[in-house]
Amino acid sequence: MSISRHPVVVAGLLVLAPAAAGALDLTGKWRFESGSYVELVQVTQSGSALSFSLAGYAFSGSLGSPGTFTSYEVDATSPNRANVFGRVMPSGNLLDGRVVVAFSGDPPYGVGGVVATRCTCDDGNTTNGDGCDATCQVEACWTCAGDPSICSPAGDGSACEDGSDCTTGETCTAGACGGGAPVSPCTDMTGRWNRHAEISGGAPGPSSVDFASQVTQRGTDLVFRNPASGNAGDVGTIDPVTGNFDVRAVNSDLFCSPFDPLTGSVAPNGLTYAATGTVDFPLPATPDHCGTYPLTENATRCGTGTIDLTETCDDGNLDDGDGCSATCGVEPCWTCSGEPSACTPLTGTPCDDSDPCTSGDTCTSAGACVGGPIVCAPCLACGAGGACVAAPRSPCKASARPEKSVLAFKNVADAEKDKLAWTWKRGAPTMLGELGDPPGGDGYVLCLYDETGVAPALLFRATVPGGGTCDGGPCWTPKSDRGFGYKNKAGAPDGVVSTRLRSGDPASAVVKGSGPLLSSHAYGLPSVPLSTPFRVQLQGEAGFCAETRYDASGVLKNDPAHGTFKALGVP
């Protein structure tokens, strides 16, 4: 087994604002977690009675008598019988809980944990940087009010909280919180800890385990999380002055003690702690009975300059980008050795930048993994797994009168008689500079995408190269100060014989082609009948894009006997 001390850590329950003993009030909005499940829940308290709905369960119950920790217990009967009980931390802003749900199937029950914090804002999203963060807490140097919360930046000189429990008197300057004075003595456990647990008494399974936790301390509240999943494990409280802490994790076995406790003390330098506790395991011979086994634990914080437990390096700081990360792991494109670790870049070494749309990834002298973009053919773009797939460009300018944008073509056995014309009229306002410099080399491509399926598919592609010489003169010529024209009687390479681009408001474009070159290349002229819906885009190498969408309502001709198609655009 893994002694993460949170084998089935689930997530939230109730949380409260600081309150005097005997005056605990949980009424308000809370952020409940249960493993990866997160829900904002409105909790109602009347006297000692509690009620709230979580994950479709309507819970009701009560708070226990006030104390250092205040207990609570709630029950629900639908859609299944469920029970949650736990404790509220002394701050009134954090609680833990064990959940037991009865099922009719096999197994007949489920056990998990919950942890929750009281929201100080809710702006209806999970975006950081807008004043109300993803965990429903007001961010430093912002003020929020209302429900949903409306947040605005705090003025310079406003009091703020920089996230450290060991500073005081911080103020806002240009949106940043700082300038606080250190508090001493003070312990702030926030950060990654490398933990070593010893289990005695003949417990089944391993007698010692090394693992890591990412700890968050907010005031006196502590939450230990799995660094990989982010799920909460040990939850409890700390005295920042003495460094003494009291946490516990939910035990997921129904027959064992509901919580595995752990109490300890952080060293005065804030870099290590020692703790003792107990952990329950089912007895192998009688799994519906559990044994309680003593546990001792020692932990070190990343950044001490000594490589401990789960660390692969430790350079004495908590900075990313210097070879040894803030979590004391060797970063890609670096090698580290010694204590404290000295790190050097692996210049020129192959690497993986985790981007499937790059190739030839190589470590630079700055220790970065850099690859070149995968270049796809026109009308395609790099997709999942690094494959080139049909990719309509976005954004792309539409027409204000799409019914005036016409696609017509003929595809018959005698390819000399093949023809194509696409017009884009009453197009969105376009500046001349957006059209690029076609005479100087900025080419265009006409793309037809089949959108009858889940993902678009490329049906037709015809390139209009930039620059070049056609018919004894430049292929592209400026047309006054409004746009450009293209003429190429030979139609090479893909059958386009003329193109006209016009900027302004409205803008317009026309592409015409004829002859066998329309079909004698990959993604040549499609056969008739043509399925709908589909989309036509004219994509420019300089970034310009114009499009029209077509569906069955706009089709005027779709005649396989004569190989002809004509349709008007739709909104």
Protein backbone atom coordinates (compact mmCIF):
# COMPACT_ATOMS: atom_id res chain seq x y z
CA MET A 1 0.00 0.00 0.00
CA SER A 2 1.00 3.63 -0.39
CA ILE A 3 1.20 5.68 2.77
CA SER A 4 0.14 8.90 1.19
CA ARG A 5 -2.08 9.28 4.26
CA HIS A 6 -4.84 10.16 1.88
CA PRO A 7 -5.60 6.96 0.01
CA VAL A 8 -9.09 8.08 -0.97
CA VAL A 9 -8.87 11.74 -0.17
CA VAL A 10 -12.02 13.43 -1.27
CA ALA A 11 -12.82 16.90 -0.69
CA GLY A 12 -14.89 19.47 0.93
CA LEU A 13 -17.47 20.13 3.38
CA LEU A 14 -18.17 23.20 5.38
CA VAL A 15 -15.99 26.10 6.30
CA LEU A 16 -16.41 29.09 8.48
CA ALA A 17 -15.21 32.58 9.03
CA PRO A 18 -13.25 33.25 12.24
CA ALA A 19 -15.64 33.26 15.14
CA ALA A 20 -15.46 33.38 18.87
CA ALA A 21 -15.84 30.11 20.77
CA GLY A 22 -19.50 29.24 21.05
CA ALA A 23 -20.45 31.48 18.10
CA LEU A 24 -19.48 29.32 15.14
CA ASP A 25 -21.56 30.08 12.06
CA LEU A 26 -21.08 28.07 8.89
CA THR A 27 -23.67 29.97 6.89
CA GLY A 28 -22.26 31.04 3.53
CA LYS A 29 -20.62 29.70 0.38
CA TRP A 30 -17.98 26.98 0.60
CA ARG A 31 -15.61 25.29 -1.79
CA PHE A 32 -16.00 21.53 -1.35
CA GLU A 33 -13.38 19.13 -2.71
CA SER A 34 -13.64 15.38 -3.05
CA GLY A 35 -10.59 14.11 -4.83
CA SER A 36 -10.73 15.91 -8.16
CA TYR A 37 -14.41 16.79 -7.66
CA VAL A 38 -15.01 20.44 -6.74
CA GLU A 39 -18.31 22.17 -6.02
CA LEU A 40 -19.26 25.52 -4.52
CA VAL A 41 -21.97 24.91 -1.94
CA GLN A 42 -24.29 27.19 0.00
CA VAL A 43 -24.37 26.10 3.65
CA THR A 44 -27.17 27.14 6.00
CA GLN A 45 -26.87 27.11 9.79
CA SER A 46 -29.65 27.86 12.24
CA GLY A 47 -28.56 27.47 15.83
CA SER A 48 -26.60 24.22 15.77
CA ALA A 49 -28.58 22.80 12.79
CA LEU A 50 -26.81 22.51 9.43
CA SER A 51 -28.09 21.86 5.92
CA PHE A 52 -26.58 21.93 2.43
CA SER A 53 -26.64 20.07 -0.88
CA LEU A 54 -23.49 18.43 -2.24
CA ALA A 55 -23.15 16.23 -5.35
CA GLY A 56 -26.92 15.75 -5.49
CA TYR A 57 -27.26 14.79 -1.82
CA ALA A 58 -29.34 16.94 0.55
CA PHE A 59 -27.49 16.80 3.86
CA SER A 60 -28.80 17.92 7.24
CA GLY A 61 -27.40 17.57 10.74
CA SER A 62 -25.79 19.57 13.48
CA LEU A 63 -22.66 21.03 15.03
CA GLY A 64 -21.29 19.60 18.26
CA SER A 65 -20.29 21.54 21.33
CA PRO A 66 -17.71 24.30 20.78
CA GLY A 67 -14.10 23.46 21.59
CA THR A 68 -10.62 23.69 20.12
CA PHE A 69 -12.11 21.68 17.29
CA THR A 70 -15.86 21.71 16.74
CA SER A 71 -17.33 18.46 15.46
CA TYR A 72 -20.23 18.15 13.05
CA GLU A 73 -22.28 15.34 11.55
CA VAL A 74 -24.79 15.38 8.70
CA ASP A 75 -26.85 12.74 6.91
CA ALA A 76 -28.69 12.32 3.61
CA THR A 77 -31.20 9.71 2.44
CA SER A 78 -31.31 10.28 -1.32
CA PRO A 79 -30.20 9.15 -3.87
CA ASN A 80 -28.50 6.84 -1.32
CA ARG A 81 -28.02 6.92 2.41
CA ALA A 82 -24.92 8.96 3.21
CA ASN A 83 -23.18 10.24 6.31
CA VAL A 84 -20.47 12.88 6.73
CA PHE A 85 -18.75 13.72 9.99
CA GLY A 86 -15.57 15.56 10.89
CA ARG A 87 -14.19 18.61 12.62
CA VAL A 88 -14.03 22.33 11.99
CA MET A 89 -10.60 23.88 12.54
CA PRO A 90 -10.10 26.55 15.24
CA SER A 91 -9.98 29.29 12.58
CA GLY A 92 -13.50 28.48 11.49
CA ASN A 93 -12.31 28.58 7.87
CA LEU A 94 -11.45 24.93 7.20
CA LEU A 95 -12.92 21.53 7.94
CA ASP A 96 -12.33 17.90 7.18
CA GLY A 97 -14.76 15.02 7.00
CA ARG A 98 -15.22 11.33 6.36
CA VAL A 99 -17.98 10.30 3.95
CA VAL A 100 -19.73 6.93 3.99
CA VAL A 101 -22.30 6.15 1.28
CA ALA A 102 -24.45 3.01 1.29
CA PHE A 103 -25.09 1.34 -2.08
CA SER A 104 -27.37 -1.50 -3.13
CA GLY A 105 -24.69 -3.20 -5.22
CA ASP A 106 -21.32 -4.79 -4.48
CA PRO A 107 -19.47 -3.36 -2.63
CA PRO A 108 -22.39 -2.15 -0.53
CA TYR A 109 -20.65 1.02 0.64
CA GLY A 110 -18.11 3.62 -0.33
CA VAL A 111 -15.78 5.59 1.92
CA GLY A 112 -13.96 8.82 1.15
CA GLY A 113 -12.95 12.13 2.60
CA VAL A 114 -13.90 15.75 2.26
CA VAL A 115 -12.12 19.03 2.92
CA ALA A 116 -13.52 22.50 2.42
CA THR A 117 -12.68 26.17 2.78
CA ARG A 118 -15.00 29.14 3.11
CA CYS A 119 -15.22 31.31 0.00
CA THR A 120 -14.41 34.99 0.32
CA CYS A 121 -15.65 35.69 -3.23
CA ASP A 122 -17.34 34.01 -6.20
CA ASP A 123 -17.17 35.66 -9.60
CA GLY A 124 -18.58 32.70 -11.48
CA ASN A 125 -15.32 31.50 -13.02
CA THR A 126 -12.11 29.70 -12.08
CA THR A 127 -9.72 32.21 -13.60
CA ASN A 128 -6.82 33.59 -11.59
CA GLY A 129 -5.77 37.20 -11.93
CA ASP A 130 -9.23 38.77 -12.06
CA GLY A 131 -9.47 39.50 -8.33
CA CYS A 132 -11.23 36.27 -7.30
CA ASP A 133 -8.97 33.25 -7.74
CA ALA A 134 -9.77 29.70 -8.82
CA THR A 135 -10.31 28.66 -5.18
CA CYS A 136 -12.87 31.44 -4.51
CA GLN A 137 -10.47 33.61 -2.46
CA VAL A 138 -9.96 37.35 -2.94
CA GLU A 139 -6.55 37.92 -4.49
CA ALA A 140 -3.94 40.29 -3.07
CA CYS A 141 -4.50 43.96 -3.96
CA TRP A 142 -8.10 43.45 -5.04
CA THR A 143 -11.47 44.10 -3.40
CA CYS A 144 -14.56 42.04 -4.23
CA ALA A 145 -18.21 42.51 -3.35
CA GLY A 146 -21.56 41.00 -4.29
CA ASP A 147 -22.70 37.61 -5.52
CA PRO A 148 -21.55 37.05 -8.18
CA SER A 149 -18.55 39.03 -7.02
CA ILE A 150 -17.43 42.14 -8.83
CA CYS A 151 -13.74 42.76 -8.17
CA SER A 152 -11.66 45.90 -8.64
CA PRO A 153 -7.96 46.63 -8.00
CA ALA A 154 -7.10 48.13 -4.62
CA GLY A 155 -5.33 51.48 -4.61
CA ASP A 156 -1.68 52.02 -3.77
CA GLY A 157 -1.10 51.99 -0.04
CA SER A 158 -4.02 49.65 0.66
CA ALA A 159 -3.36 46.94 3.22
CA CYS A 160 -2.94 43.48 1.68
CA GLU A 161 -1.85 39.92 2.40
CA ASP A 162 1.18 38.63 0.47
CA GLY A 163 0.42 34.96 1.15
CA SER A 164 3.09 34.53 3.83
CA ASP A 165 1.98 34.05 7.41
CA CYS A 166 5.32 35.35 8.63
CA THR A 167 5.07 38.94 7.37
CA THR A 168 2.84 41.78 8.49
CA GLY A 169 2.00 45.29 7.40
CA GLU A 170 2.10 44.62 3.64
CA THR A 171 0.70 47.25 1.29
CA CYS A 172 -0.19 47.45 -2.38
CA THR A 173 2.09 49.18 -4.88
CA ALA A 174 1.16 49.16 -8.57
CA GLY A 175 -0.99 46.08 -7.99
CA ALA A 176 1.71 44.12 -6.14
CA CYS A 177 1.55 43.26 -2.44
CA GLY A 178 4.78 43.67 -0.50
CA GLY A 179 6.82 45.72 1.91
CA GLY A 180 5.81 43.75 4.98
CA ALA A 181 7.92 43.33 8.08
CA PRO A 182 8.92 39.83 9.26
CA VAL A 183 7.09 38.28 12.19
CA SER A 184 9.25 36.38 14.69
CA PRO A 185 8.98 33.75 15.93
CA CYS A 186 6.84 32.40 13.13
CA THR A 187 6.41 29.16 11.20
CA ASP A 188 5.04 29.00 7.67
CA MET A 189 4.86 25.42 6.35
CA THR A 190 3.76 26.43 2.85
CA GLY A 191 5.82 24.54 0.27
CA ARG A 192 6.91 21.05 -0.65
CA TRP A 193 7.94 18.67 2.10
CA ASN A 194 9.74 15.33 1.69
CA ARG A 195 8.33 12.90 4.24
CA HIS A 196 9.69 9.67 5.72
CA ALA A 197 7.27 7.56 7.77
CA GLU A 198 8.16 4.56 9.96
CA ILE A 199 5.33 2.20 10.96
CA SER A 200 5.94 -0.16 13.87
CA GLY A 201 4.01 -2.82 15.73
CA GLY A 202 4.02 -5.42 12.97
CA ALA A 203 1.67 -3.58 10.63
CA PRO A 204 0.91 -5.33 7.32
CA GLY A 205 2.64 -3.82 4.32
CA PRO A 206 5.84 -1.76 4.24
CA SER A 207 7.40 -0.61 7.52
CA SER A 208 8.68 2.64 6.01
CA VAL A 209 7.64 4.88 3.16
CA ASP A 210 9.06 8.00 1.52
CA PHE A 211 6.68 10.42 -0.18
CA ALA A 212 6.15 14.12 -0.74
CA SER A 213 3.41 16.60 0.10
CA GLN A 214 2.67 20.12 -1.04
CA VAL A 215 1.59 22.01 2.07
CA THR A 216 -0.54 25.13 2.13
CA GLN A 217 -0.74 27.18 5.32
CA ARG A 218 -3.26 29.97 5.63
CA GLY A 219 -3.14 31.50 9.09
CA THR A 220 -3.47 28.51 11.40
CA ASP A 221 -4.99 26.21 8.76
CA LEU A 222 -2.97 23.43 7.14
CA VAL A 223 -3.73 21.29 4.09
CA PHE A 224 -1.28 18.65 2.82
CA ARG A 225 -1.78 17.74 -0.85
CA ASN A 226 -0.48 15.10 -3.23
CA PRO A 227 1.91 17.05 -5.51
CA ALA A 228 0.87 15.07 -8.58
CA SER A 229 -2.93 15.00 -8.24
CA GLY A 230 -3.48 18.03 -6.02
CA ASN A 231 -5.84 15.97 -3.86
CA ALA A 232 -5.96 16.88 -0.19
CA GLY A 233 -4.65 14.47 2.45
CA ASP A 234 -3.76 15.54 5.98
CA VAL A 235 -5.85 18.48 7.16
CA GLY A 236 -5.54 20.37 10.42
CA THR A 237 -4.10 23.31 12.28
CA ILE A 238 -0.76 24.82 13.36
CA ASP A 239 0.39 27.30 15.96
CA PRO A 240 2.64 29.60 13.87
CA VAL A 241 4.47 30.79 17.00
CA THR A 242 5.54 27.39 18.34
CA GLY A 243 5.40 25.37 15.11
CA ASN A 244 3.25 22.69 16.77
CA PHE A 245 0.71 21.14 14.41
CA ASP A 246 -2.22 18.71 14.59
CA VAL A 247 -3.42 17.11 11.34
CA ARG A 248 -5.21 13.96 10.30
CA ALA A 249 -6.13 12.07 7.15
CA VAL A 250 -9.27 10.10 6.32
CA ASN A 251 -8.88 6.32 6.55
CA SER A 252 -10.79 4.81 3.65
CA ASP A 253 -11.48 1.43 5.24
CA LEU A 254 -14.97 1.27 6.73
CA PHE A 255 -13.93 -0.93 9.65
CA CYS A 256 -10.93 1.16 10.70
CA SER A 257 -10.76 4.33 12.75
CA PRO A 258 -12.16 7.09 10.57
CA PHE A 259 -9.05 9.27 10.78
CA ASP A 260 -5.31 8.62 11.09
CA PRO A 261 -3.93 11.38 13.35
CA LEU A 262 -0.49 13.02 13.18
CA THR A 263 0.90 15.61 15.58
CA GLY A 264 4.32 17.17 15.49
CA SER A 265 6.48 20.26 15.60
CA VAL A 266 8.44 22.19 13.01
CA ALA A 267 12.05 23.04 13.91
CA PRO A 268 12.80 26.71 14.68
CA ASN A 269 14.60 27.10 11.34
CA GLY A 270 11.43 25.96 9.52
CA LEU A 271 13.30 23.34 7.47
CA THR A 272 12.41 20.07 9.23
CA TYR A 273 9.70 18.58 11.38
CA ALA A 274 9.22 15.52 13.56
CA ALA A 275 5.83 13.96 14.21
CA THR A 276 4.11 10.95 15.72
CA GLY A 277 0.73 9.39 15.10
CA THR A 278 -1.11 6.20 14.35
CA VAL A 279 -2.41 4.48 11.25
CA ASP A 280 -5.07 1.77 10.99
CA PHE A 281 -4.86 -1.25 8.66
CA PRO A 282 -7.32 -4.14 8.17
CA LEU A 283 -6.03 -7.34 9.75
CA PRO A 284 -5.12 -9.90 7.05
CA ALA A 285 -6.90 -12.77 8.77
CA THR A 286 -10.00 -10.75 9.70
CA PRO A 287 -10.35 -7.84 7.25
CA ASP A 288 -13.48 -6.57 9.01
CA HIS A 289 -11.24 -5.77 11.98
CA CYS A 290 -8.40 -3.28 12.05
CA GLY A 291 -5.21 -2.87 13.98
CA THR A 292 -3.85 0.49 15.13
CA TYR A 293 -0.11 0.92 14.62
CA PRO A 294 2.29 3.60 15.89
CA LEU A 295 3.81 5.89 13.27
CA THR A 296 6.78 8.23 13.46
CA GLU A 297 7.55 10.71 10.75
CA ASN A 298 10.41 13.04 9.87
CA ALA A 299 10.31 15.52 7.02
CA THR A 300 12.58 18.03 5.35
CA ARG A 301 11.74 21.00 3.23
CA CYS A 302 13.10 21.41 -0.29
CA GLY A 303 15.73 24.13 -0.47
CA THR A 304 18.03 23.15 2.41
CA GLY A 305 20.99 22.40 0.16
CA THR A 306 20.94 18.72 1.19
CA ILE A 307 19.39 16.04 -1.01
CA ASP A 308 16.77 14.27 1.09
CA LEU A 309 14.28 11.48 0.52
CA THR A 310 12.35 12.10 -2.72
CA GLU A 311 14.62 14.93 -3.95
CA THR A 312 16.89 14.47 -6.96
CA CYS A 313 18.73 17.75 -6.34
CA ASP A 314 18.77 20.63 -3.85
CA ASP A 315 20.57 23.83 -4.74
CA GLY A 316 19.56 25.68 -1.59
CA ASN A 317 16.82 27.78 -3.17
CA LEU A 318 13.24 27.45 -4.39
CA ASP A 319 13.71 28.92 -7.86
CA ASP A 320 12.63 27.32 -11.12
CA GLY A 321 14.76 27.66 -14.23
CA ASP A 322 18.19 27.21 -12.64
CA GLY A 323 18.40 23.46 -13.19
CA CYS A 324 16.99 22.40 -9.83
CA SER A 325 13.29 23.20 -9.61
CA ALA A 326 11.32 24.70 -6.75
CA THR A 327 10.33 21.13 -5.84
CA CYS A 328 13.94 19.92 -5.84
CA GLY A 329 13.80 17.93 -9.05
CA VAL A 330 16.38 18.11 -11.85
CA GLU A 331 14.82 20.11 -14.67
CA PRO A 332 14.88 18.98 -18.31
CA CYS A 333 18.04 19.99 -20.19
CA TRP A 334 20.10 20.20 -17.00
CA THR A 335 22.42 17.97 -14.98
CA CYS A 336 23.00 18.53 -11.28
CA SER A 337 25.48 17.12 -8.77
CA GLY A 338 26.74 17.76 -5.27
CA GLU A 339 25.24 19.24 -2.11
CA PRO A 340 24.16 21.93 -2.47
CA SER A 341 23.55 20.98 -6.07
CA ALA A 342 25.45 22.71 -8.86
CA CYS A 343 23.57 22.52 -12.16
CA THR A 344 24.77 23.02 -15.74
CA PRO A 345 22.82 22.99 -19.03
CA LEU A 346 23.03 19.97 -21.33
CA THR A 347 23.57 22.11 -24.43
CA GLY A 348 22.81 20.36 -27.71
CA THR A 349 21.24 17.29 -26.10
CA PRO A 350 17.99 15.94 -27.62
CA CYS A 351 14.99 16.57 -25.39
CA ASP A 352 11.20 16.64 -25.44
CA ASP A 353 9.43 19.97 -25.02
CA SER A 354 6.08 18.13 -24.56
CA ASP A 355 4.67 19.88 -27.61
CA PRO A 356 3.61 17.30 -30.25
CA CYS A 357 3.67 20.04 -32.89
CA THR A 358 7.41 20.63 -32.72
CA SER A 359 10.26 18.43 -33.93
CA GLY A 360 14.01 18.30 -33.48
CA ASP A 361 13.72 19.37 -29.84
CA THR A 362 17.17 20.29 -28.51
CA CYS A 363 18.52 21.75 -25.28
CA THR A 364 19.84 25.29 -25.58
CA SER A 365 22.76 26.84 -23.70
CA ALA A 366 20.19 28.49 -21.43
CA GLY A 367 18.83 25.10 -20.37
CA ALA A 368 15.61 25.37 -22.37
CA CYS A 369 14.15 22.64 -24.57
CA VAL A 370 13.33 24.18 -27.94
CA GLY A 371 11.94 22.56 -31.08
CA GLY A 372 10.99 23.79 -34.50
CA PRO A 373 7.34 23.87 -35.51
CA ILE A 374 5.99 21.06 -37.64
CA VAL A 375 5.11 22.66 -40.98
CA CYS A 376 1.92 21.36 -42.57
CA ALA A 377 0.72 21.74 -46.13
CA PRO A 378 -1.72 24.58 -46.90
CA CYS A 379 -5.23 24.25 -45.38
CA LEU A 380 -3.84 21.85 -42.74
CA ALA A 381 -2.42 22.44 -39.27
CA CYS A 382 -0.68 20.36 -36.64
CA GLY A 383 -3.16 18.58 -34.39
CA ALA A 384 -3.18 15.96 -31.64
CA GLY A 385 -0.18 13.67 -31.73
CA GLY A 386 1.66 15.90 -34.18
CA ALA A 387 -0.43 14.86 -37.20
CA CYS A 388 -1.37 17.41 -39.87
CA VAL A 389 -5.17 17.67 -39.99
CA ALA A 390 -7.78 19.80 -41.75
CA ALA A 391 -7.92 23.06 -39.84
CA PRO A 392 -10.16 25.97 -40.81
CA ARG A 393 -8.43 29.16 -39.73
CA SER A 394 -9.86 31.14 -36.83
CA PRO A 395 -10.61 33.97 -36.71
CA CYS A 396 -11.69 34.36 -40.31
CA LYS A 397 -13.62 37.30 -41.79
CA ALA A 398 -17.19 36.61 -42.83
CA SER A 399 -19.52 38.41 -45.22
CA ALA A 400 -22.30 40.72 -44.08
CA ARG A 401 -24.37 39.34 -46.98
CA PRO A 402 -23.30 35.69 -47.29
CA GLU A 403 -26.07 34.97 -49.80
CA LYS A 404 -24.07 37.09 -52.27
CA SER A 405 -21.00 34.87 -51.83
CA VAL A 406 -21.22 32.17 -54.47
CA LEU A 407 -19.32 28.94 -55.06
CA ALA A 408 -19.73 27.36 -58.49
CA PHE A 409 -17.71 24.64 -60.22
CA LYS A 410 -17.84 22.03 -62.97
CA ASN A 411 -16.04 18.69 -62.72
CA VAL A 412 -16.52 16.53 -65.80
CA ALA A 413 -14.71 13.70 -67.58
CA ASP A 414 -13.01 16.12 -69.97
CA ALA A 415 -10.79 17.94 -67.45
CA GLU A 416 -10.14 20.71 -69.99
CA LYS A 417 -13.69 21.84 -69.31
CA ASP A 418 -13.35 21.93 -65.53
CA LYS A 419 -14.07 25.32 -64.00
CA LEU A 420 -14.31 26.96 -60.56
CA ALA A 421 -15.38 30.37 -59.30
CA TRP A 422 -15.70 31.63 -55.73
CA THR A 423 -16.80 35.14 -54.86
CA TRP A 424 -16.74 36.76 -51.43
CA LYS A 425 -18.82 39.93 -51.39
CA ARG A 426 -19.79 42.45 -48.72
CA GLY A 427 -16.89 41.17 -46.63
CA ALA A 428 -15.94 42.41 -43.17
CA PRO A 429 -13.88 45.64 -43.04
CA THR A 430 -10.29 44.97 -44.09
CA MET A 431 -7.23 47.23 -44.11
CA LEU A 432 -4.93 47.10 -47.13
CA GLY A 433 -2.06 45.98 -44.89
CA GLU A 434 -4.02 42.89 -43.84
CA LEU A 435 -3.79 41.55 -47.39
CA GLY A 436 0.00 41.30 -47.05
CA ASP A 437 2.34 41.77 -50.03
CA PRO A 438 1.34 39.28 -52.75
CA PRO A 439 3.69 40.79 -55.37
CA GLY A 440 6.49 40.44 -52.85
CA GLY A 441 5.81 36.76 -52.15
CA ASP A 442 2.78 36.47 -49.83
CA GLY A 443 0.72 33.67 -51.37
CA TYR A 444 -2.89 32.52 -50.91
CA VAL A 445 -4.74 29.22 -50.87
CA LEU A 446 -8.41 28.41 -51.41
CA CYS A 447 -9.62 25.65 -49.05
CA LEU A 448 -12.92 23.75 -49.07
CA TYR A 449 -13.69 21.89 -45.81
CA ASP A 450 -16.33 19.18 -45.50
CA GLU A 451 -18.13 19.75 -42.17
CA THR A 452 -20.60 16.88 -42.29
CA GLY A 453 -18.69 14.94 -39.63
CA VAL A 454 -17.44 15.57 -36.10
CA ALA A 455 -14.15 16.98 -37.41
CA PRO A 456 -13.67 18.96 -40.63
CA ALA A 457 -12.12 17.20 -43.62
CA LEU A 458 -10.26 18.87 -46.47
CA LEU A 459 -12.03 18.32 -49.82
CA PHE A 460 -10.32 20.80 -52.12
CA ARG A 461 -7.23 22.96 -52.12
CA ALA A 462 -5.87 25.36 -54.75
CA THR A 463 -2.79 27.48 -54.10
CA VAL A 464 -2.16 30.95 -55.54
CA PRO A 465 1.61 31.48 -55.18
CA GLY A 466 2.97 34.86 -54.17
CA GLY A 467 5.34 36.82 -56.41
CA GLY A 468 6.47 35.15 -59.65
CA THR A 469 6.19 35.88 -63.36
CA CYS A 470 3.12 34.98 -65.40
CA ASP A 471 2.38 35.62 -69.07
CA GLY A 472 5.53 37.71 -69.47
CA GLY A 473 4.91 39.96 -66.47
CA PRO A 474 4.32 39.92 -62.72
CA CYS A 475 1.66 37.44 -61.63
CA TRP A 476 0.43 39.90 -59.01
CA THR A 477 -0.15 43.60 -59.56
CA PRO A 478 -1.44 46.33 -57.24
CA LYS A 479 -4.92 47.62 -58.02
CA SER A 480 -4.85 51.36 -57.16
CA ASP A 481 -4.54 51.66 -53.40
CA ARG A 482 -7.25 49.16 -52.55
CA GLY A 483 -5.93 45.71 -53.32
CA PHE A 484 -4.24 43.29 -55.69
CA GLY A 485 -4.97 41.26 -58.81
CA TYR A 486 -3.51 37.94 -59.99
CA LYS A 487 -3.51 36.56 -63.54
CA ASN A 488 -1.94 33.33 -64.78
CA LYS A 489 -3.29 31.87 -68.04
CA ALA A 490 -1.37 28.62 -67.48
CA GLY A 491 -3.07 28.13 -64.12
CA ALA A 492 -0.01 26.54 -62.53
CA PRO A 493 0.24 24.95 -60.07
CA ASP A 494 -3.38 24.16 -59.08
CA GLY A 495 -5.55 25.61 -61.84
CA VAL A 496 -6.17 29.15 -60.51
CA VAL A 497 -6.11 31.62 -63.42
CA SER A 498 -7.21 34.83 -61.67
CA THR A 499 -7.66 36.28 -58.20
CA ARG A 500 -8.80 39.69 -57.06
CA LEU A 501 -8.45 41.04 -53.52
CA ARG A 502 -10.01 44.33 -52.45
CA SER A 503 -9.68 46.00 -49.05
CA GLY A 504 -12.09 48.49 -47.52
CA ASP A 505 -15.53 48.39 -45.98
CA PRO A 506 -16.89 46.24 -47.44
CA ALA A 507 -13.99 44.09 -48.63
CA SER A 508 -14.24 41.53 -51.43
CA ALA A 509 -12.40 38.65 -53.06
CA VAL A 510 -12.78 36.57 -56.23
CA VAL A 511 -10.93 33.35 -57.17
CA LYS A 512 -11.35 31.68 -60.57
CA GLY A 513 -9.82 28.54 -62.03
CA SER A 514 -10.10 26.38 -65.11
CA GLY A 515 -8.60 23.38 -66.82
CA PRO A 516 -7.08 20.05 -65.81
CA LEU A 517 -4.79 21.51 -63.13
CA LEU A 518 -7.83 22.00 -60.88
CA SER A 519 -7.99 18.22 -60.42
CA SER A 520 -4.47 16.92 -61.09
CA HIS A 521 -3.13 17.41 -57.55
CA ALA A 522 -3.82 16.25 -54.02
CA TYR A 523 -7.23 17.53 -52.86
CA GLY A 524 -8.31 18.32 -56.40
CA LEU A 525 -11.75 19.44 -57.52
CA PRO A 526 -14.40 17.38 -55.69
CA SER A 527 -16.91 15.24 -57.50
CA VAL A 528 -20.63 15.99 -57.65
CA PRO A 529 -22.97 15.60 -55.78
CA LEU A 530 -21.31 17.53 -52.96
CA SER A 531 -22.46 16.92 -49.39
CA THR A 532 -23.33 19.80 -47.08
CA PRO A 533 -22.53 21.59 -44.84
CA PHE A 534 -19.11 22.79 -45.90
CA ARG A 535 -16.98 25.89 -45.62
CA VAL A 536 -14.75 27.75 -48.08
CA GLN A 537 -11.83 29.83 -46.84
CA LEU A 538 -9.30 31.98 -48.67
CA GLN A 539 -6.21 31.92 -46.46
CA GLY A 540 -3.30 34.32 -46.90
CA GLU A 541 0.26 33.63 -45.81
CA ALA A 542 0.33 37.08 -44.17
CA GLY A 543 -2.65 36.16 -41.97
CA PHE A 544 -5.67 37.37 -43.94
CA CYS A 545 -8.63 34.99 -44.02
CA ALA A 546 -12.06 35.27 -45.68
CA GLU A 547 -14.75 32.61 -45.47
CA THR A 548 -18.26 31.58 -46.43
CA ARG A 549 -20.30 28.73 -45.01
CA TYR A 550 -22.72 26.70 -47.13
CA ASP A 551 -25.52 24.29 -46.28
CA ALA A 552 -28.36 22.53 -48.13
CA SER A 553 -30.62 25.59 -47.97
CA GLY A 554 -28.26 27.56 -50.22
CA VAL A 555 -27.62 24.90 -52.87
CA LEU A 556 -28.92 25.92 -56.30
CA LYS A 557 -27.39 23.13 -58.38
CA ASN A 558 -25.86 19.78 -57.39
CA ASP A 559 -26.07 17.79 -60.61
CA PRO A 560 -23.92 14.64 -60.92
CA ALA A 561 -25.13 14.01 -64.46
CA HIS A 562 -23.50 17.23 -65.68
CA GLY A 563 -20.86 17.54 -62.91
CA THR A 564 -22.08 21.00 -61.91
CA PHE A 565 -22.48 22.60 -58.52
CA LYS A 566 -23.61 26.06 -57.40
CA ALA A 567 -24.51 27.39 -53.95
CA LEU A 568 -25.10 30.64 -52.10
CA GLY A 569 -23.59 31.24 -48.68
CA VAL A 570 -25.56 31.11 -45.45
CA PRO A 571 -25.06 33.01 -42.15
